Amino acid sequence: PMTSLNPYLRVSRQLTEVLELHEGATPSAARRR
């Protein structure tokens, strides 16, 4: 996981990006999930 996670980005950004990209979630909804 240390080489798979981007060390320069917060975990919140790496998680919310998945939902925003694949499901079109809003930033607030993606953060909540």
Full PDB file with SEQRES, HELIX, SHEET, SSBOND, CRYST1, ORIGX, SCALE, CONECT and MASTER records, all heavy atoms in Angstrom:
SEQRES   1 A   33  PRO MET THR SER LEU ASN PRO TYR LEU ARG VAL SER ARG          
SEQRES   2 A   33  GLN LEU THR GLU VAL LEU GLU LEU HIS GLU GLY ALA THR          
SEQRES   3 A   33  PRO SER ALA ALA ARG ARG ARG                                  
HELIX    1 AA1 VAL A   11  GLU A   23  1                                  13    
HELIX    2 AA2 PRO A   27  ARG A   32  1                                   6    
CRYST1    1.000    1.000    1.000  90.00  90.00  90.00 P 1           1          
ORIGX1      1.000000  0.000000  0.000000        0.00000                         
ORIGX2      0.000000  1.000000  0.000000        0.00000                         
ORIGX3      0.000000  0.000000  1.000000        0.00000                         
SCALE1      1.000000  0.000000  0.000000        0.00000                         
SCALE2      0.000000  1.000000  0.000000        0.00000                         
SCALE3      0.000000  0.000000  1.000000        0.00000                         
ATOM      1  N   PRO A   1       0.804  -1.226   0.000  1.00  0.00           N  
ATOM      2  CA  PRO A   1       0.000   0.000   0.000  1.00  0.00           C  
ATOM      3  C   PRO A   1       0.833   1.269   0.000  1.00  0.00           C  
ATOM      4  O   PRO A   1       0.382   2.307  -0.478  1.00  0.00           O  
ATOM      5  CB  PRO A   1      -0.829  -0.121   1.293  1.00  0.00           C  
ATOM      6  CG  PRO A   1      -0.069  -1.060   2.154  1.00  0.00           C  
ATOM      7  CD  PRO A   1       0.595  -2.025   1.213  1.00  0.00           C  
ATOM      8  N   MET A   2       2.060   1.220   0.518  1.00  0.00           N  
ATOM      9  CA  MET A   2       2.870   2.432   0.570  1.00  0.00           C  
ATOM     10  C   MET A   2       3.286   2.874  -0.825  1.00  0.00           C  
ATOM     11  O   MET A   2       3.472   4.061  -1.083  1.00  0.00           O  
ATOM     12  CB  MET A   2       4.105   2.215   1.440  1.00  0.00           C  
ATOM     13  CG  MET A   2       4.736   3.514   1.942  1.00  0.00           C  
ATOM     14  SD  MET A   2       3.553   4.548   2.833  1.00  0.00           S  
ATOM     15  CE  MET A   2       4.417   6.113   2.864  1.00  0.00           C  
ATOM     16  N   THR A   3       3.442   1.930  -1.757  1.00  0.00           N  
ATOM     17  CA  THR A   3       3.773   2.301  -3.126  1.00  0.00           C  
ATOM     18  C   THR A   3       2.530   2.479  -3.983  1.00  0.00           C  
ATOM     19  O   THR A   3       2.614   2.993  -5.098  1.00  0.00           O  
ATOM     20  CB  THR A   3       4.677   1.232  -3.775  1.00  0.00           C  
ATOM     21  OG1 THR A   3       4.002  -0.033  -3.757  1.00  0.00           O  
ATOM     22  CG2 THR A   3       5.987   1.095  -3.018  1.00  0.00           C  
ATOM     23  N   SER A   4       1.375   2.065  -3.486  1.00  0.00           N  
ATOM     24  CA  SER A   4       0.127   2.202  -4.248  1.00  0.00           C  
ATOM     25  C   SER A   4      -0.600   3.500  -3.909  1.00  0.00           C  
ATOM     26  O   SER A   4      -1.305   4.062  -4.748  1.00  0.00           O  
ATOM     27  CB  SER A   4      -0.794   1.015  -3.961  1.00  0.00           C  
ATOM     28  OG  SER A   4      -0.164  -0.205  -4.291  1.00  0.00           O  
ATOM     29  N   LEU A   5      -0.454   3.962  -2.667  1.00  0.00           N  
ATOM     30  CA  LEU A   5      -1.047   5.235  -2.271  1.00  0.00           C  
ATOM     31  C   LEU A   5      -0.091   6.374  -2.634  1.00  0.00           C  
ATOM     32  O   LEU A   5       1.119   6.234  -2.517  1.00  0.00           O  
ATOM     33  CB  LEU A   5      -1.312   5.246  -0.765  1.00  0.00           C  
ATOM     34  CG  LEU A   5      -2.371   4.260  -0.263  1.00  0.00           C  
ATOM     35  CD1 LEU A   5      -2.341   4.179   1.255  1.00  0.00           C  
ATOM     36  CD2 LEU A   5      -3.756   4.653  -0.752  1.00  0.00           C  
ATOM     37  N   ASN A   6      -0.645   7.480  -3.069  1.00  0.00           N  
ATOM     38  CA  ASN A   6       0.173   8.633  -3.436  1.00  0.00           C  
ATOM     39  C   ASN A   6       0.645   9.337  -2.158  1.00  0.00           C  
ATOM     40  O   ASN A   6      -0.176   9.850  -1.394  1.00  0.00           O  
ATOM     41  CB  ASN A   6      -0.644   9.603  -4.289  1.00  0.00           C  
ATOM     42  CG  ASN A   6       0.206  10.702  -4.896  1.00  0.00           C  
ATOM     43  OD1 ASN A   6       1.157  11.171  -4.296  1.00  0.00           O  
ATOM     44  ND2 ASN A   6      -0.141  11.118  -6.104  1.00  0.00           N  
ATOM     45  N   PRO A   7       1.947   9.377  -1.909  1.00  0.00           N  
ATOM     46  CA  PRO A   7       2.434   9.955  -0.652  1.00  0.00           C  
ATOM     47  C   PRO A   7       2.222  11.470  -0.557  1.00  0.00           C  
ATOM     48  O   PRO A   7       2.315  12.041   0.539  1.00  0.00           O  
ATOM     49  CB  PRO A   7       3.927   9.616  -0.665  1.00  0.00           C  
ATOM     50  CG  PRO A   7       4.272   9.467  -2.110  1.00  0.00           C  
ATOM     51  CD  PRO A   7       3.045   8.892  -2.758  1.00  0.00           C  
ATOM     52  N   TYR A   8       1.940  12.129  -1.685  1.00  0.00           N  
ATOM     53  CA  TYR A   8       1.794  13.583  -1.690  1.00  0.00           C  
ATOM     54  C   TYR A   8       0.346  14.041  -1.520  1.00  0.00           C  
ATOM     55  O   TYR A   8       0.089  15.243  -1.404  1.00  0.00           O  
ATOM     56  CB  TYR A   8       2.350  14.155  -2.996  1.00  0.00           C  
ATOM     57  CG  TYR A   8       3.820  13.877  -3.201  1.00  0.00           C  
ATOM     58  CD1 TYR A   8       4.241  12.897  -4.097  1.00  0.00           C  
ATOM     59  CD2 TYR A   8       4.780  14.567  -2.476  1.00  0.00           C  
ATOM     60  CE1 TYR A   8       5.586  12.628  -4.275  1.00  0.00           C  
ATOM     61  CE2 TYR A   8       6.136  14.305  -2.649  1.00  0.00           C  
ATOM     62  CZ  TYR A   8       6.529  13.337  -3.549  1.00  0.00           C  
ATOM     63  OH  TYR A   8       7.856  13.073  -3.716  1.00  0.00           O  
ATOM     64  N   LEU A   9      -0.585  13.102  -1.545  1.00  0.00           N  
ATOM     65  CA  LEU A   9      -1.996  13.454  -1.428  1.00  0.00           C  
ATOM     66  C   LEU A   9      -2.571  12.920  -0.124  1.00  0.00           C  
ATOM     67  O   LEU A   9      -2.247  11.803   0.297  1.00  0.00           O  
ATOM     68  CB  LEU A   9      -2.798  12.886  -2.604  1.00  0.00           C  
ATOM     69  CG  LEU A   9      -2.494  13.441  -3.999  1.00  0.00           C  
ATOM     70  CD1 LEU A   9      -3.370  12.739  -5.035  1.00  0.00           C  
ATOM     71  CD2 LEU A   9      -2.699  14.947  -4.050  1.00  0.00           C  
ATOM     72  N   ARG A  10      -3.448  13.708   0.472  1.00  0.00           N  
ATOM     73  CA  ARG A  10      -4.152  13.244   1.664  1.00  0.00           C  
ATOM     74  C   ARG A  10      -5.033  12.061   1.305  1.00  0.00           C  
ATOM     75  O   ARG A  10      -5.521  11.942   0.175  1.00  0.00           O  
ATOM     76  CB  ARG A  10      -4.997  14.364   2.259  1.00  0.00           C  
ATOM     77  CG  ARG A  10      -4.183  15.570   2.727  1.00  0.00           C  
ATOM     78  CD  ARG A  10      -5.094  16.640   3.299  1.00  0.00           C  
ATOM     79  NE  ARG A  10      -4.358  17.876   3.548  1.00  0.00           N  
ATOM     80  CZ  ARG A  10      -3.672  18.125   4.662  1.00  0.00           C  
ATOM     81  NH1 ARG A  10      -3.639  17.218   5.630  1.00  0.00           N  
ATOM     82  NH2 ARG A  10      -3.034  19.268   4.809  1.00  0.00           N  
ATOM     83  N   VAL A  11      -5.244  11.189   2.283  1.00  0.00           N  
ATOM     84  CA  VAL A  11      -6.085  10.012   2.062  1.00  0.00           C  
ATOM     85  C   VAL A  11      -7.481  10.430   1.607  1.00  0.00           C  
ATOM     86  O   VAL A  11      -8.081   9.786   0.739  1.00  0.00           O  
ATOM     87  CB  VAL A  11      -6.150   9.163   3.348  1.00  0.00           C  
ATOM     88  CG1 VAL A  11      -7.298   8.154   3.283  1.00  0.00           C  
ATOM     89  CG2 VAL A  11      -4.825   8.448   3.572  1.00  0.00           C  
ATOM     90  N   SER A  12      -8.008  11.527   2.151  1.00  0.00           N  
ATOM     91  CA  SER A  12      -9.344  11.988   1.767  1.00  0.00           C  
ATOM     92  C   SER A  12      -9.429  12.238   0.272  1.00  0.00           C  
ATOM     93  O   SER A  12     -10.418  11.848  -0.377  1.00  0.00           O  
ATOM     94  CB  SER A  12      -9.708  13.261   2.528  1.00  0.00           C  
ATOM     95  OG  SER A  12      -8.714  14.263   2.329  1.00  0.00           O  
ATOM     96  N   ARG A  13      -8.395  12.862  -0.300  1.00  0.00           N  
ATOM     97  CA  ARG A  13      -8.426  13.155  -1.729  1.00  0.00           C  
ATOM     98  C   ARG A  13      -8.364  11.880  -2.549  1.00  0.00           C  
ATOM     99  O   ARG A  13      -9.060  11.740  -3.574  1.00  0.00           O  
ATOM    100  CB  ARG A  13      -7.256  14.074  -2.105  1.00  0.00           C  
ATOM    101  CG  ARG A  13      -7.221  14.445  -3.584  1.00  0.00           C  
ATOM    102  CD  ARG A  13      -8.513  15.120  -3.995  1.00  0.00           C  
ATOM    103  NE  ARG A  13      -8.648  15.248  -5.446  1.00  0.00           N  
ATOM    104  CZ  ARG A  13      -9.795  15.144  -6.098  1.00  0.00           C  
ATOM    105  NH1 ARG A  13     -10.918  14.882  -5.436  1.00  0.00           N  
ATOM    106  NH2 ARG A  13      -9.845  15.287  -7.383  1.00  0.00           N  
ATOM    107  N   GLN A  14      -7.555  10.918  -2.122  1.00  0.00           N  
ATOM    108  CA  GLN A  14      -7.409   9.678  -2.881  1.00  0.00           C  
ATOM    109  C   GLN A  14      -8.690   8.841  -2.842  1.00  0.00           C  
ATOM    110  O   GLN A  14      -9.014   8.145  -3.802  1.00  0.00           O  
ATOM    111  CB  GLN A  14      -6.216   8.887  -2.354  1.00  0.00           C  
ATOM    112  CG  GLN A  14      -4.907   9.660  -2.509  1.00  0.00           C  
ATOM    113  CD  GLN A  14      -3.693   8.861  -2.116  1.00  0.00           C  
ATOM    114  OE1 GLN A  14      -3.418   7.799  -2.684  1.00  0.00           O  
ATOM    115  NE2 GLN A  14      -2.930   9.359  -1.141  1.00  0.00           N  
ATOM    116  N   LEU A  15      -9.433   8.929  -1.750  1.00  0.00           N  
ATOM    117  CA  LEU A  15     -10.692   8.184  -1.644  1.00  0.00           C  
ATOM    118  C   LEU A  15     -11.825   8.881  -2.390  1.00  0.00           C  
ATOM    119  O   LEU A  15     -12.581   8.248  -3.131  1.00  0.00           O  
ATOM    120  CB  LEU A  15     -11.065   7.998  -0.179  1.00  0.00           C  
ATOM    121  CG  LEU A  15     -10.169   7.067   0.648  1.00  0.00           C  
ATOM    122  CD1 LEU A  15     -10.562   7.125   2.115  1.00  0.00           C  
ATOM    123  CD2 LEU A  15     -10.247   5.641   0.142  1.00  0.00           C  
ATOM    124  N   THR A  16     -11.955  10.171  -2.206  1.00  0.00           N  
ATOM    125  CA  THR A  16     -13.071  10.883  -2.839  1.00  0.00           C  
ATOM    126  C   THR A  16     -12.933  10.916  -4.355  1.00  0.00           C  
ATOM    127  O   THR A  16     -13.940  10.926  -5.076  1.00  0.00           O  
ATOM    128  CB  THR A  16     -13.174  12.326  -2.306  1.00  0.00           C  
ATOM    129  OG1 THR A  16     -11.919  13.008  -2.523  1.00  0.00           O  
ATOM    130  CG2 THR A  16     -13.496  12.327  -0.818  1.00  0.00           C  
ATOM    131  N   GLU A  17     -11.704  10.910  -4.843  1.00  0.00           N  
ATOM    132  CA  GLU A  17     -11.481  10.912  -6.292  1.00  0.00           C  
ATOM    133  C   GLU A  17     -12.124   9.710  -6.960  1.00  0.00           C  
ATOM    134  O   GLU A  17     -12.657   9.804  -8.073  1.00  0.00           O  
ATOM    135  CB  GLU A  17      -9.982  10.939  -6.582  1.00  0.00           C  
ATOM    136  CG  GLU A  17      -9.640  11.077  -8.053  1.00  0.00           C  
ATOM    137  CD  GLU A  17      -8.145  11.137  -8.277  1.00  0.00           C  
ATOM    138  OE1 GLU A  17      -7.423  10.331  -7.652  1.00  0.00           O  
ATOM    139  OE2 GLU A  17      -7.691  11.991  -9.066  1.00  0.00           O  
ATOM    140  N   VAL A  18     -12.092   8.550  -6.278  1.00  0.00           N  
ATOM    141  CA  VAL A  18     -12.694   7.333  -6.822  1.00  0.00           C  
ATOM    142  C   VAL A  18     -14.192   7.532  -7.048  1.00  0.00           C  
ATOM    143  O   VAL A  18     -14.729   7.189  -8.107  1.00  0.00           O  
ATOM    144  CB  VAL A  18     -12.451   6.142  -5.866  1.00  0.00           C  
ATOM    145  CG1 VAL A  18     -13.195   4.897  -6.348  1.00  0.00           C  
ATOM    146  CG2 VAL A  18     -10.960   5.857  -5.736  1.00  0.00           C  
ATOM    147  N   LEU A  19     -14.875   8.091  -6.061  1.00  0.00           N  
ATOM    148  CA  LEU A  19     -16.324   8.288  -6.155  1.00  0.00           C  
ATOM    149  C   LEU A  19     -16.688   9.405  -7.135  1.00  0.00           C  
ATOM    150  O   LEU A  19     -17.673   9.309  -7.860  1.00  0.00           O  
ATOM    151  CB  LEU A  19     -16.889   8.592  -4.768  1.00  0.00           C  
ATOM    152  CG  LEU A  19     -16.797   7.444  -3.771  1.00  0.00           C  
ATOM    153  CD1 LEU A  19     -17.075   7.925  -2.357  1.00  0.00           C  
ATOM    154  CD2 LEU A  19     -17.750   6.320  -4.152  1.00  0.00           C  
ATOM    155  N   GLU A  20     -15.901  10.455  -7.163  1.00  0.00           N  
ATOM    156  CA  GLU A  20     -16.176  11.549  -8.091  1.00  0.00           C  
ATOM    157  C   GLU A  20     -15.981  11.100  -9.535  1.00  0.00           C  
ATOM    158  O   GLU A  20     -16.753  11.464 -10.430  1.00  0.00           O  
ATOM    159  CB  GLU A  20     -15.275  12.745  -7.770  1.00  0.00           C  
ATOM    160  CG  GLU A  20     -15.596  13.398  -6.429  1.00  0.00           C  
ATOM    161  CD  GLU A  20     -14.546  14.429  -6.043  1.00  0.00           C  
ATOM    162  OE1 GLU A  20     -13.712  14.782  -6.906  1.00  0.00           O  
ATOM    163  OE2 GLU A  20     -14.556  14.880  -4.879  1.00  0.00           O  
ATOM    164  N   LEU A  21     -14.968  10.277  -9.763  1.00  0.00           N  
ATOM    165  CA  LEU A  21     -14.660   9.820 -11.110  1.00  0.00           C  
ATOM    166  C   LEU A  21     -15.661   8.787 -11.610  1.00  0.00           C  
ATOM    167  O   LEU A  21     -16.188   8.889 -12.718  1.00  0.00           O  
ATOM    168  CB  LEU A  21     -13.241   9.229 -11.149  1.00  0.00           C  
ATOM    169  CG  LEU A  21     -12.794   8.590 -12.474  1.00  0.00           C  
ATOM    170  CD1 LEU A  21     -12.715   9.643 -13.562  1.00  0.00           C  
ATOM    171  CD2 LEU A  21     -11.446   7.890 -12.304  1.00  0.00           C  
ATOM    172  N   HIS A  22     -15.952   7.780 -10.781  1.00  0.00           N  
ATOM    173  CA  HIS A  22     -16.769   6.656 -11.243  1.00  0.00           C  
ATOM    174  C   HIS A  22     -18.262   6.862 -11.049  1.00  0.00           C  
ATOM    175  O   HIS A  22     -19.075   6.298 -11.802  1.00  0.00           O  
ATOM    176  CB  HIS A  22     -16.345   5.365 -10.530  1.00  0.00           C  
ATOM    177  CG  HIS A  22     -15.007   4.858 -10.965  1.00  0.00           C  
ATOM    178  ND1 HIS A  22     -14.732   4.471 -12.252  1.00  0.00           N  
ATOM    179  CD2 HIS A  22     -13.850   4.673 -10.267  1.00  0.00           C  
ATOM    180  CE1 HIS A  22     -13.484   4.063 -12.348  1.00  0.00           C  
ATOM    181  NE2 HIS A  22     -12.922   4.177 -11.148  1.00  0.00           N  
ATOM    182  N   GLU A  23     -18.657   7.625 -10.044  1.00  0.00           N  
ATOM    183  CA  GLU A  23     -20.085   7.757  -9.759  1.00  0.00           C  
ATOM    184  C   GLU A  23     -20.591   9.193  -9.857  1.00  0.00           C  
ATOM    185  O   GLU A  23     -21.771   9.448  -9.633  1.00  0.00           O  
ATOM    186  CB  GLU A  23     -20.387   7.182  -8.368  1.00  0.00           C  
ATOM    187  CG  GLU A  23     -20.074   5.693  -8.259  1.00  0.00           C  
ATOM    188  CD  GLU A  23     -20.551   5.104  -6.949  1.00  0.00           C  
ATOM    189  OE1 GLU A  23     -21.150   5.840  -6.131  1.00  0.00           O  
ATOM    190  OE2 GLU A  23     -20.329   3.891  -6.741  1.00  0.00           O  
ATOM    191  N   GLY A  24     -19.717  10.135 -10.161  1.00  0.00           N  
ATOM    192  CA  GLY A  24     -20.136  11.527 -10.273  1.00  0.00           C  
ATOM    193  C   GLY A  24     -20.598  12.123  -8.962  1.00  0.00           C  
ATOM    194  O   GLY A  24     -21.423  13.057  -8.948  1.00  0.00           O  
ATOM    195  N   ALA A  25     -20.095  11.623  -7.842  1.00  0.00           N  
ATOM    196  CA  ALA A  25     -20.508  12.117  -6.528  1.00  0.00           C  
ATOM    197  C   ALA A  25     -19.979  13.537  -6.304  1.00  0.00           C  
ATOM    198  O   ALA A  25     -18.909  13.902  -6.795  1.00  0.00           O  
ATOM    199  CB  ALA A  25     -19.983  11.193  -5.431  1.00  0.00           C  
ATOM    200  N   THR A  26     -20.738  14.322  -5.571  1.00  0.00           N  
ATOM    201  CA  THR A  26     -20.283  15.659  -5.206  1.00  0.00           C  
ATOM    202  C   THR A  26     -19.160  15.533  -4.178  1.00  0.00           C  
ATOM    203  O   THR A  26     -19.059  14.514  -3.471  1.00  0.00           O  
ATOM    204  CB  THR A  26     -21.422  16.484  -4.605  1.00  0.00           C  
ATOM    205  OG1 THR A  26     -21.849  15.870  -3.374  1.00  0.00           O  
ATOM    206  CG2 THR A  26     -22.603  16.575  -5.569  1.00  0.00           C  
ATOM    207  N   PRO A  27     -18.303  16.542  -4.054  1.00  0.00           N  
ATOM    208  CA  PRO A  27     -17.210  16.461  -3.067  1.00  0.00           C  
ATOM    209  C   PRO A  27     -17.689  16.186  -1.645  1.00  0.00           C  
ATOM    210  O   PRO A  27     -17.082  15.385  -0.931  1.00  0.00           O  
ATOM    211  CB  PRO A  27     -16.547  17.838  -3.184  1.00  0.00           C  
ATOM    212  CG  PRO A  27     -16.805  18.249  -4.594  1.00  0.00           C  
ATOM    213  CD  PRO A  27     -18.185  17.737  -4.908  1.00  0.00           C  
ATOM    214  N   SER A  28     -18.798  16.800  -1.238  1.00  0.00           N  
ATOM    215  CA  SER A  28     -19.285  16.586   0.127  1.00  0.00           C  
ATOM    216  C   SER A  28     -19.822  15.172   0.309  1.00  0.00           C  
ATOM    217  O   SER A  28     -19.574  14.526   1.340  1.00  0.00           O  
ATOM    218  CB  SER A  28     -20.365  17.617   0.472  1.00  0.00           C  
ATOM    219  OG  SER A  28     -21.463  17.514  -0.428  1.00  0.00           O  
ATOM    220  N   ALA A  29     -20.552  14.682  -0.693  1.00  0.00           N  
ATOM    221  CA  ALA A  29     -21.094  13.320  -0.611  1.00  0.00           C  
ATOM    222  C   ALA A  29     -19.968  12.294  -0.654  1.00  0.00           C  
ATOM    223  O   ALA A  29     -19.997  11.288   0.070  1.00  0.00           O  
ATOM    224  CB  ALA A  29     -22.083  13.076  -1.745  1.00  0.00           C  
ATOM    225  N   ALA A  30     -18.965  12.536  -1.496  1.00  0.00           N  
ATOM    226  CA  ALA A  30     -17.834  11.617  -1.596  1.00  0.00           C  
ATOM    227  C   ALA A  30     -17.058  11.576  -0.283  1.00  0.00           C  
ATOM    228  O   ALA A  30     -16.645  10.500   0.165  1.00  0.00           O  
ATOM    229  CB  ALA A  30     -16.925  12.044  -2.743  1.00  0.00           C  
ATOM    230  N   ARG A  31     -16.882  12.726   0.350  1.00  0.00           N  
ATOM    231  CA  ARG A  31     -16.157  12.763   1.621  1.00  0.00           C  
ATOM    232  C   ARG A  31     -16.925  12.006   2.687  1.00  0.00           C  
ATOM    233  O   ARG A  31     -16.340  11.246   3.470  1.00  0.00           O  
ATOM    234  CB  ARG A  31     -15.946  14.213   2.055  1.00  0.00           C  
ATOM    235  CG  ARG A  31     -15.172  14.340   3.363  1.00  0.00           C  
ATOM    236  CD  ARG A  31     -15.001  15.803   3.761  1.00  0.00           C  
ATOM    237  NE  ARG A  31     -14.345  15.920   5.051  1.00  0.00           N  
ATOM    238  CZ  ARG A  31     -13.038  15.880   5.242  1.00  0.00           C  
ATOM    239  NH1 ARG A  31     -12.225  15.721   4.212  1.00  0.00           N  
ATOM    240  NH2 ARG A  31     -12.517  15.993   6.456  1.00  0.00           N  
ATOM    241  N   ARG A  32     -18.239  12.181   2.722  1.00  0.00           N  
ATOM    242  CA  ARG A  32     -19.058  11.492   3.715  1.00  0.00           C  
ATOM    243  C   ARG A  32     -18.946   9.968   3.544  1.00  0.00           C  
ATOM    244  O   ARG A  32     -18.781   9.228   4.524  1.00  0.00           O  
ATOM    245  CB  ARG A  32     -20.513  11.944   3.575  1.00  0.00           C  
ATOM    246  CG  ARG A  32     -21.439  11.382   4.645  1.00  0.00           C  
ATOM    247  CD  ARG A  32     -22.771  12.103   4.658  1.00  0.00           C  
ATOM    248  NE  ARG A  32     -23.436  12.066   3.354  1.00  0.00           N  
ATOM    249  CZ  ARG A  32     -23.559  13.103   2.538  1.00  0.00           C  
ATOM    250  NH1 ARG A  32     -23.053  14.280   2.879  1.00  0.00           N  
ATOM    251  NH2 ARG A  32     -24.181  12.996   1.369  1.00  0.00           N  
ATOM    252  N   ARG A  33     -19.011   9.511   2.306  1.00  0.00           N  
ATOM    253  CA  ARG A  33     -18.914   8.068   2.054  1.00  0.00           C  
ATOM    254  C   ARG A  33     -17.510   7.550   2.350  1.00  0.00           C  
ATOM    255  O   ARG A  33     -17.340   6.415   2.809  1.00  0.00           O  
ATOM    256  CB  ARG A  33     -19.314   7.761   0.611  1.00  0.00           C  
ATOM    257  CG  ARG A  33     -20.823   7.802   0.405  1.00  0.00           C  
ATOM    258  CD  ARG A  33     -21.220   7.450  -1.005  1.00  0.00           C  
ATOM    259  NE  ARG A  33     -20.718   6.151  -1.429  1.00  0.00           N  
ATOM    260  CZ  ARG A  33     -20.878   5.668  -2.666  1.00  0.00           C  
ATOM    261  NH1 ARG A  33     -21.535   6.395  -3.565  1.00  0.00           N  
ATOM    262  NH2 ARG A  33     -20.411   4.493  -2.993  1.00  0.00           N  
TER     263      ARG A  33                                                      
MASTER        0    0    0    2    0    0    0    6  262    1    0    3          
END                                                                             
